[in-house]
Amino acid sequence: MSLQSHIEVLKERHAGLEMRISDEDNRPRPDSETLARLKLEKLRLKEEMERLQHSKD
């Protein structure tokens, strides 16, 4: 897998997490543990994408 395609996969996962976070947050009684876990995973993906972007340049 090329670096660019790996970054694209991470972007798709990041967008999917954003949707899951939004869905959970809009529930009548959102689960704070689930939100925290999803947000942490989203942050890790973002950091990995940034690291890969910098190594690509």
N, C-alpha and C. Protein backbone atom coordinates (compact mmCIF):
# COMPACT_ATOMS: atom_id res chain seq x y z
N MET A 1 0.86 -1.18 0.00
CA MET A 1 0.00 0.00 0.00
C MET A 1 0.91 1.24 0.00
N SER A 2 0.61 2.15 -0.89
CA SER A 2 1.40 3.38 -0.95
C SER A 2 1.07 4.28 0.23
N LEU A 3 1.96 5.21 0.48
CA LEU A 3 1.77 6.14 1.59
C LEU A 3 0.48 6.94 1.41
N GLN A 4 0.25 7.42 0.19
CA GLN A 4 -0.95 8.23 -0.07
C GLN A 4 -2.23 7.41 0.12
N SER A 5 -2.22 6.17 -0.32
CA SER A 5 -3.44 5.35 -0.14
C SER A 5 -3.65 5.03 1.34
N HIS A 6 -2.57 4.86 2.08
CA HIS A 6 -2.69 4.63 3.52
C HIS A 6 -3.31 5.85 4.20
N ILE A 7 -2.87 7.04 3.81
CA ILE A 7 -3.43 8.28 4.35
C ILE A 7 -4.91 8.39 4.01
N GLU A 8 -5.28 8.01 2.80
CA GLU A 8 -6.69 8.06 2.39
C GLU A 8 -7.55 7.11 3.23
N VAL A 9 -7.03 5.93 3.52
CA VAL A 9 -7.76 4.98 4.36
C VAL A 9 -7.95 5.56 5.75
N LEU A 10 -6.91 6.20 6.28
CA LEU A 10 -7.01 6.82 7.60
C LEU A 10 -8.04 7.95 7.59
N LYS A 11 -8.09 8.72 6.52
CA LYS A 11 -9.07 9.80 6.40
C LYS A 11 -10.49 9.24 6.41
N GLU A 12 -10.70 8.12 5.72
CA GLU A 12 -12.03 7.50 5.70
C GLU A 12 -12.42 7.00 7.08
N ARG A 13 -11.48 6.39 7.78
CA ARG A 13 -11.76 5.93 9.15
C ARG A 13 -12.05 7.11 10.06
N HIS A 14 -11.31 8.20 9.88
CA HIS A 14 -11.50 9.41 10.68
C HIS A 14 -12.91 9.96 10.45
N ALA A 15 -13.33 10.02 9.18
CA ALA A 15 -14.68 10.51 8.86
C ALA A 15 -15.75 9.60 9.45
N GLY A 16 -15.52 8.30 9.41
CA GLY A 16 -16.46 7.34 10.00
C GLY A 16 -16.59 7.53 11.50
N LEU A 17 -15.46 7.79 12.15
CA LEU A 17 -15.51 8.04 13.59
C LEU A 17 -16.26 9.33 13.89
N GLU A 18 -16.07 10.34 13.06
CA GLU A 18 -16.78 11.60 13.24
C GLU A 18 -18.29 11.37 13.20
N MET A 19 -18.74 10.54 12.25
CA MET A 19 -20.17 10.23 12.15
C MET A 19 -20.65 9.45 13.38
N ARG A 20 -19.85 8.48 13.85
CA ARG A 20 -20.23 7.70 15.03
C ARG A 20 -20.29 8.59 16.26
N ILE A 21 -19.36 9.53 16.38
CA ILE A 21 -19.37 10.46 17.51
C ILE A 21 -20.62 11.32 17.46
N SER A 22 -20.94 11.82 16.29
CA SER A 22 -22.13 12.65 16.12
C SER A 22 -23.40 11.87 16.46
N ASP A 23 -23.48 10.64 15.97
CA ASP A 23 -24.65 9.79 16.25
C ASP A 23 -24.80 9.56 17.75
N GLU A 24 -23.69 9.22 18.40
CA GLU A 24 -23.74 8.95 19.85
C GLU A 24 -24.10 10.22 20.61
N ASP A 25 -23.53 11.34 20.20
CA ASP A 25 -23.75 12.60 20.89
C ASP A 25 -25.21 13.07 20.76
N ASN A 26 -25.87 12.69 19.69
CA ASN A 26 -27.24 13.13 19.45
C ASN A 26 -28.29 12.17 20.01
N ARG A 27 -27.84 11.09 20.62
CA ARG A 27 -28.79 10.17 21.27
C ARG A 27 -29.38 10.85 22.49
N PRO A 28 -30.55 10.42 22.91
CA PRO A 28 -31.16 11.02 24.12
C PRO A 28 -30.26 10.91 25.35
N ARG A 29 -29.56 9.80 25.51
CA ARG A 29 -28.67 9.63 26.66
C ARG A 29 -27.33 9.09 26.16
N PRO A 30 -26.47 9.98 25.65
CA PRO A 30 -25.19 9.53 25.10
C PRO A 30 -24.33 8.86 26.17
N ASP A 31 -23.61 7.86 25.75
CA ASP A 31 -22.71 7.12 26.64
C ASP A 31 -21.36 7.85 26.67
N SER A 32 -21.02 8.44 27.79
CA SER A 32 -19.80 9.24 27.88
C SER A 32 -18.54 8.40 27.68
N GLU A 33 -18.56 7.15 28.11
CA GLU A 33 -17.39 6.27 27.91
C GLU A 33 -17.19 5.98 26.43
N THR A 34 -18.26 5.72 25.73
CA THR A 34 -18.17 5.46 24.30
C THR A 34 -17.68 6.71 23.57
N LEU A 35 -18.23 7.86 23.92
CA LEU A 35 -17.78 9.12 23.30
C LEU A 35 -16.30 9.35 23.54
N ALA A 36 -15.84 9.14 24.74
CA ALA A 36 -14.43 9.35 25.07
C ALA A 36 -13.54 8.41 24.26
N ARG A 37 -13.95 7.15 24.15
CA ARG A 37 -13.17 6.16 23.40
C ARG A 37 -13.10 6.54 21.92
N LEU A 38 -14.25 6.91 21.35
CA LEU A 38 -14.29 7.29 19.94
C LEU A 38 -13.45 8.53 19.67
N LYS A 39 -13.55 9.51 20.55
CA LYS A 39 -12.78 10.75 20.38
C LYS A 39 -11.28 10.49 20.49
N LEU A 40 -10.89 9.61 21.39
CA LEU A 40 -9.48 9.28 21.53
C LEU A 40 -8.97 8.57 20.28
N GLU A 41 -9.75 7.64 19.76
CA GLU A 41 -9.37 6.94 18.53
C GLU A 41 -9.27 7.92 17.37
N LYS A 42 -10.22 8.85 17.29
CA LYS A 42 -10.19 9.86 16.22
C LYS A 42 -8.93 10.73 16.33
N LEU A 43 -8.57 11.11 17.55
CA LEU A 43 -7.37 11.91 17.75
C LEU A 43 -6.12 11.14 17.34
N ARG A 44 -6.06 9.87 17.69
CA ARG A 44 -4.90 9.05 17.29
C ARG A 44 -4.78 8.97 15.77
N LEU A 45 -5.91 8.81 15.09
CA LEU A 45 -5.88 8.77 13.63
C LEU A 45 -5.38 10.10 13.06
N LYS A 46 -5.86 11.19 13.61
CA LYS A 46 -5.45 12.51 13.15
C LYS A 46 -3.94 12.69 13.31
N GLU A 47 -3.43 12.30 14.48
CA GLU A 47 -2.00 12.42 14.73
C GLU A 47 -1.19 11.56 13.77
N GLU A 48 -1.67 10.34 13.49
CA GLU A 48 -0.97 9.47 12.55
C GLU A 48 -0.99 10.06 11.14
N MET A 49 -2.14 10.63 10.73
CA MET A 49 -2.21 11.26 9.40
C MET A 49 -1.22 12.41 9.31
N GLU A 50 -1.15 13.24 10.35
CA GLU A 50 -0.23 14.37 10.35
C GLU A 50 1.22 13.90 10.30
N ARG A 51 1.53 12.85 11.05
CA ARG A 51 2.89 12.31 11.05
C ARG A 51 3.25 11.80 9.65
N LEU A 52 2.33 11.08 9.02
CA LEU A 52 2.59 10.56 7.69
C LEU A 52 2.71 11.67 6.65
N GLN A 53 1.90 12.72 6.79
CA GLN A 53 1.98 13.86 5.86
C GLN A 53 3.35 14.51 5.96
N HIS A 54 3.86 14.67 7.19
CA HIS A 54 5.16 15.32 7.38
C HIS A 54 6.30 14.45 6.87
N SER A 55 6.16 13.15 7.00
CA SER A 55 7.23 12.26 6.50
C SER A 55 7.21 12.21 4.98
N LYS A 56 6.06 12.48 4.40
CA LYS A 56 5.91 12.47 2.94
C LYS A 56 6.57 13.70 2.32
N ASP A 57 6.52 14.83 3.01
CA ASP A 57 7.04 16.10 2.47
C ASP A 57 8.53 16.15 2.43
